[in-house]
Amino acid sequence: MWSIASGQSGQTPLMDTNVMGEMVMRAWVAPRGVPVQGLMFIYMPKLSTNHWAVMLVEPQGQAGEFFGARSLKFVRAAKKDGQTANLYTLGDGMFRGLYLLDGKVKDRKGKLMHFLMLLTPQMAQQEPDPAQFLK
């Protein structure tokens, strides 16, 4: 997962956008070697180099295993219009101390989709809406 998001795998993203230097977004559909429908890397360089997130759409597996974590610490839950999300901190592994958002949001057709979103603490403070990335 991380080799794709960081550009080390050589897999070309289906979408690669840079919105006036404020947001960089790269998206892959069914990337090789990762059991997900989609993978997105979101980066906000205008805010800081620490504002980034990785989003997995329809992951097939346990939340922690995608990010190499065996322990997750629950922070809070949210529910709105049938959409749900649980926020955790990763207790170990490569991304220890980062946040994991695990939930279901509606895509543009109104279908509920499962997602996992790895967030830096700085990005978590922005409280991104995962549904906006599925539009």
C-alpha atoms as a PDB file:
ATOM      1  CA  MET A   1       0.000   0.000   0.000  1.00  0.00           C
ATOM      2  CA  TRP A   2       2.646   2.522   1.062  1.00  0.00           C
ATOM      3  CA  SER A   3       4.897   1.832  -1.951  1.00  0.00           C
ATOM      4  CA  ILE A   4       1.997   2.759  -4.257  1.00  0.00           C
ATOM      5  CA  ALA A   5       0.936   5.872  -2.307  1.00  0.00           C
ATOM      6  CA  SER A   6       4.536   7.123  -2.080  1.00  0.00           C
ATOM      7  CA  GLY A   7       5.196   6.526  -5.801  1.00  0.00           C
ATOM      8  CA  GLN A   8       7.803   3.782  -5.288  1.00  0.00           C
ATOM      9  CA  SER A   9       5.860   0.952  -6.952  1.00  0.00           C
ATOM     10  CA  GLY A  10       5.918   2.341 -10.486  1.00  0.00           C
ATOM     11  CA  GLN A  11       2.138   1.970 -10.798  1.00  0.00           C
ATOM     12  CA  THR A  12       0.719   4.981 -12.635  1.00  0.00           C
ATOM     13  CA  PRO A  13      -2.249   6.636 -10.930  1.00  0.00           C
ATOM     14  CA  LEU A  14      -5.515   6.896 -12.852  1.00  0.00           C
ATOM     15  CA  MET A  15      -5.853  10.458 -11.557  1.00  0.00           C
ATOM     16  CA  ASP A  16      -3.037  12.834 -10.604  1.00  0.00           C
ATOM     17  CA  THR A  17      -4.182  16.356  -9.782  1.00  0.00           C
ATOM     18  CA  ASN A  18      -2.613  19.434  -8.267  1.00  0.00           C
ATOM     19  CA  VAL A  19      -5.147  22.111  -7.353  1.00  0.00           C
ATOM     20  CA  MET A  20      -3.174  25.369  -7.352  1.00  0.00           C
ATOM     21  CA  GLY A  21      -0.559  23.911  -4.999  1.00  0.00           C
ATOM     22  CA  GLU A  22      -3.158  23.584  -2.246  1.00  0.00           C
ATOM     23  CA  MET A  23      -4.114  19.942  -2.684  1.00  0.00           C
ATOM     24  CA  VAL A  24      -2.384  17.117  -4.502  1.00  0.00           C
ATOM     25  CA  MET A  25      -4.491  14.022  -5.058  1.00  0.00           C
ATOM     26  CA  ARG A  26      -3.484  10.766  -6.723  1.00  0.00           C
ATOM     27  CA  ALA A  27      -5.890   7.862  -7.211  1.00  0.00           C
ATOM     28  CA  TRP A  28      -5.436   4.268  -8.320  1.00  0.00           C
ATOM     29  CA  VAL A  29      -8.227   1.828  -9.204  1.00  0.00           C
ATOM     30  CA  ALA A  30      -7.650  -1.776  -8.076  1.00  0.00           C
ATOM     31  CA  PRO A  31      -3.897  -1.306  -7.554  1.00  0.00           C
ATOM     32  CA  ARG A  32      -1.796  -4.469  -7.946  1.00  0.00           C
ATOM     33  CA  GLY A  33      -0.983  -6.175  -4.664  1.00  0.00           C
ATOM     34  CA  VAL A  34      -3.499  -4.278  -2.522  1.00  0.00           C
ATOM     35  CA  PRO A  35      -6.954  -5.862  -1.973  1.00  0.00           C
ATOM     36  CA  VAL A  36      -8.978  -2.649  -2.419  1.00  0.00           C
ATOM     37  CA  GLN A  37     -11.193  -1.126  -5.112  1.00  0.00           C
ATOM     38  CA  GLY A  38      -9.374   2.189  -4.868  1.00  0.00           C
ATOM     39  CA  LEU A  39      -6.425   3.861  -3.213  1.00  0.00           C
ATOM     40  CA  MET A  40      -5.985   7.631  -2.881  1.00  0.00           C
ATOM     41  CA  PHE A  41      -3.120   9.736  -1.639  1.00  0.00           C
ATOM     42  CA  ILE A  42      -4.107  13.248  -0.520  1.00  0.00           C
ATOM     43  CA  TYR A  43      -1.501  15.900   0.281  1.00  0.00           C
ATOM     44  CA  MET A  44      -1.932  19.551   1.263  1.00  0.00           C
ATOM     45  CA  PRO A  45       1.546  21.100   0.795  1.00  0.00           C
ATOM     46  CA  LYS A  46       0.358  24.675   1.205  1.00  0.00           C
ATOM     47  CA  LEU A  47      -0.530  23.916   4.844  1.00  0.00           C
ATOM     48  CA  SER A  48       2.601  21.826   5.595  1.00  0.00           C
ATOM     49  CA  THR A  49       4.481  18.691   4.579  1.00  0.00           C
ATOM     50  CA  ASN A  50       2.714  16.938   7.468  1.00  0.00           C
ATOM     51  CA  HIS A  51      -0.770  17.347   5.970  1.00  0.00           C
ATOM     52  CA  TRP A  52      -1.395  14.081   4.126  1.00  0.00           C
ATOM     53  CA  ALA A  53      -3.698  11.078   4.132  1.00  0.00           C
ATOM     54  CA  VAL A  54      -4.082   7.723   2.408  1.00  0.00           C
ATOM     55  CA  MET A  55      -7.602   6.480   1.712  1.00  0.00           C
ATOM     56  CA  LEU A  56      -8.544   2.894   0.838  1.00  0.00           C
ATOM     57  CA  VAL A  57     -11.933   2.256  -0.757  1.00  0.00           C
ATOM     58  CA  GLU A  58     -13.684  -1.088  -0.166  1.00  0.00           C
ATOM     59  CA  PRO A  59     -10.698  -2.745   1.561  1.00  0.00           C
ATOM     60  CA  GLN A  60     -10.778  -6.535   1.885  1.00  0.00           C
ATOM     61  CA  GLY A  61      -9.200  -7.283   5.256  1.00  0.00           C
ATOM     62  CA  GLN A  62      -8.745  -5.982   8.779  1.00  0.00           C
ATOM     63  CA  ALA A  63      -8.207  -2.251   9.287  1.00  0.00           C
ATOM     64  CA  GLY A  64      -4.904  -2.544  11.121  1.00  0.00           C
ATOM     65  CA  GLU A  65      -3.290  -4.978   8.690  1.00  0.00           C
ATOM     66  CA  PHE A  66      -3.255  -2.446   5.842  1.00  0.00           C
ATOM     67  CA  PHE A  67      -1.164  -0.080   7.941  1.00  0.00           C
ATOM     68  CA  GLY A  68       0.912  -2.651   9.837  1.00  0.00           C
ATOM     69  CA  ALA A  69      -0.728  -2.062  13.211  1.00  0.00           C
ATOM     70  CA  ARG A  70      -1.729  -4.725  15.700  1.00  0.00           C
ATOM     71  CA  SER A  71      -3.226  -2.310  18.202  1.00  0.00           C
ATOM     72  CA  LEU A  72      -5.781   0.413  17.614  1.00  0.00           C
ATOM     73  CA  LYS A  73      -6.934   2.819  20.318  1.00  0.00           C
ATOM     74  CA  PHE A  74     -10.502   4.086  19.918  1.00  0.00           C
ATOM     75  CA  VAL A  75     -10.821   7.900  19.970  1.00  0.00           C
ATOM     76  CA  ARG A  76     -14.396   8.704  18.912  1.00  0.00           C
ATOM     77  CA  ALA A  77     -17.305   7.774  16.657  1.00  0.00           C
ATOM     78  CA  ALA A  78     -19.506   9.794  14.343  1.00  0.00           C
ATOM     79  CA  LYS A  79     -22.798   9.066  12.586  1.00  0.00           C
ATOM     80  CA  LYS A  80     -24.724  11.191  10.093  1.00  0.00           C
ATOM     81  CA  ASP A  81     -27.409  10.309   7.532  1.00  0.00           C
ATOM     82  CA  GLY A  82     -26.624   6.586   7.739  1.00  0.00           C
ATOM     83  CA  GLN A  83     -22.919   7.222   7.300  1.00  0.00           C
ATOM     84  CA  THR A  84     -20.624   6.130  10.113  1.00  0.00           C
ATOM     85  CA  ALA A  85     -16.981   6.550  11.070  1.00  0.00           C
ATOM     86  CA  ASN A  86     -14.770   5.472  13.944  1.00  0.00           C
ATOM     87  CA  LEU A  87     -11.502   7.265  14.652  1.00  0.00           C
ATOM     88  CA  TYR A  88      -8.560   5.362  16.130  1.00  0.00           C
ATOM     89  CA  THR A  89      -4.885   6.020  16.806  1.00  0.00           C
ATOM     90  CA  LEU A  90      -2.399   3.397  15.660  1.00  0.00           C
ATOM     91  CA  GLY A  91      -0.564   1.956  18.667  1.00  0.00           C
ATOM     92  CA  ASP A  92       2.332   0.323  16.836  1.00  0.00           C
ATOM     93  CA  GLY A  93       3.949  -0.295  13.463  1.00  0.00           C
ATOM     94  CA  MET A  94       5.344   2.046  10.822  1.00  0.00           C
ATOM     95  CA  PHE A  95       2.528   4.555  11.288  1.00  0.00           C
ATOM     96  CA  ARG A  96       2.430   4.523  15.103  1.00  0.00           C
ATOM     97  CA  GLY A  97       0.707   7.642  16.461  1.00  0.00           C
ATOM     98  CA  LEU A  98      -1.150   8.421  13.240  1.00  0.00           C
ATOM     99  CA  TYR A  99      -4.935   8.267  12.995  1.00  0.00           C
ATOM    100  CA  LEU A 100      -7.129   5.708  11.278  1.00  0.00           C
ATOM    101  CA  LEU A 101     -10.659   6.572  10.226  1.00  0.00           C
ATOM    102  CA  ASP A 102     -12.761   3.465   9.517  1.00  0.00           C
ATOM    103  CA  GLY A 103     -16.266   3.922   8.209  1.00  0.00           C
ATOM    104  CA  LYS A 104     -18.942   3.915   5.553  1.00  0.00           C
ATOM    105  CA  VAL A 105     -19.840   6.911   3.405  1.00  0.00           C
ATOM    106  CA  LYS A 106     -22.142   7.437   0.452  1.00  0.00           C
ATOM    107  CA  ASP A 107     -20.648   7.827  -2.999  1.00  0.00           C
ATOM    108  CA  ARG A 108     -22.187  10.146  -5.600  1.00  0.00           C
ATOM    109  CA  LYS A 109     -24.832   7.520  -6.425  1.00  0.00           C
ATOM    110  CA  GLY A 110     -25.846   7.201  -2.778  1.00  0.00           C
ATOM    111  CA  LYS A 111     -24.264   3.749  -2.348  1.00  0.00           C
ATOM    112  CA  LEU A 112     -22.568   3.126   1.009  1.00  0.00           C
ATOM    113  CA  MET A 113     -18.887   2.334   0.583  1.00  0.00           C
ATOM    114  CA  HIS A 114     -16.464   1.090   3.223  1.00  0.00           C
ATOM    115  CA  PHE A 115     -13.269   3.114   3.560  1.00  0.00           C
ATOM    116  CA  LEU A 116     -10.139   3.281   5.668  1.00  0.00           C
ATOM    117  CA  MET A 117      -8.244   6.549   5.892  1.00  0.00           C
ATOM    118  CA  LEU A 118      -4.780   6.943   7.402  1.00  0.00           C
ATOM    119  CA  LEU A 119      -4.298  10.515   8.622  1.00  0.00           C
ATOM    120  CA  THR A 120      -1.426  12.463  10.101  1.00  0.00           C
ATOM    121  CA  PRO A 121      -2.399  14.324  13.294  1.00  0.00           C
ATOM    122  CA  GLN A 122      -2.232  17.582  11.312  1.00  0.00           C
ATOM    123  CA  MET A 123      -4.583  16.232   8.638  1.00  0.00           C
ATOM    124  CA  ALA A 124      -6.945  14.841  11.282  1.00  0.00           C
ATOM    125  CA  GLN A 125      -7.295  18.370  12.712  1.00  0.00           C
ATOM    126  CA  GLN A 126      -8.663  19.451   9.307  1.00  0.00           C
ATOM    127  CA  GLU A 127     -11.491  16.906   9.823  1.00  0.00           C
ATOM    128  CA  PRO A 128     -11.660  15.874   6.148  1.00  0.00           C
ATOM    129  CA  ASP A 129     -14.928  14.429   4.863  1.00  0.00           C
ATOM    130  CA  PRO A 130     -14.071  11.124   3.136  1.00  0.00           C
ATOM    131  CA  ALA A 131     -17.266  11.358   1.056  1.00  0.00           C
ATOM    132  CA  GLN A 132     -15.869  14.410  -0.783  1.00  0.00           C
ATOM    133  CA  PHE A 133     -13.084  12.229  -2.220  1.00  0.00           C
ATOM    134  CA  LEU A 134     -15.596   9.711  -3.627  1.00  0.00           C
ATOM    135  CA  LYS A 135     -17.458  12.301  -5.684  1.00  0.00           C
END
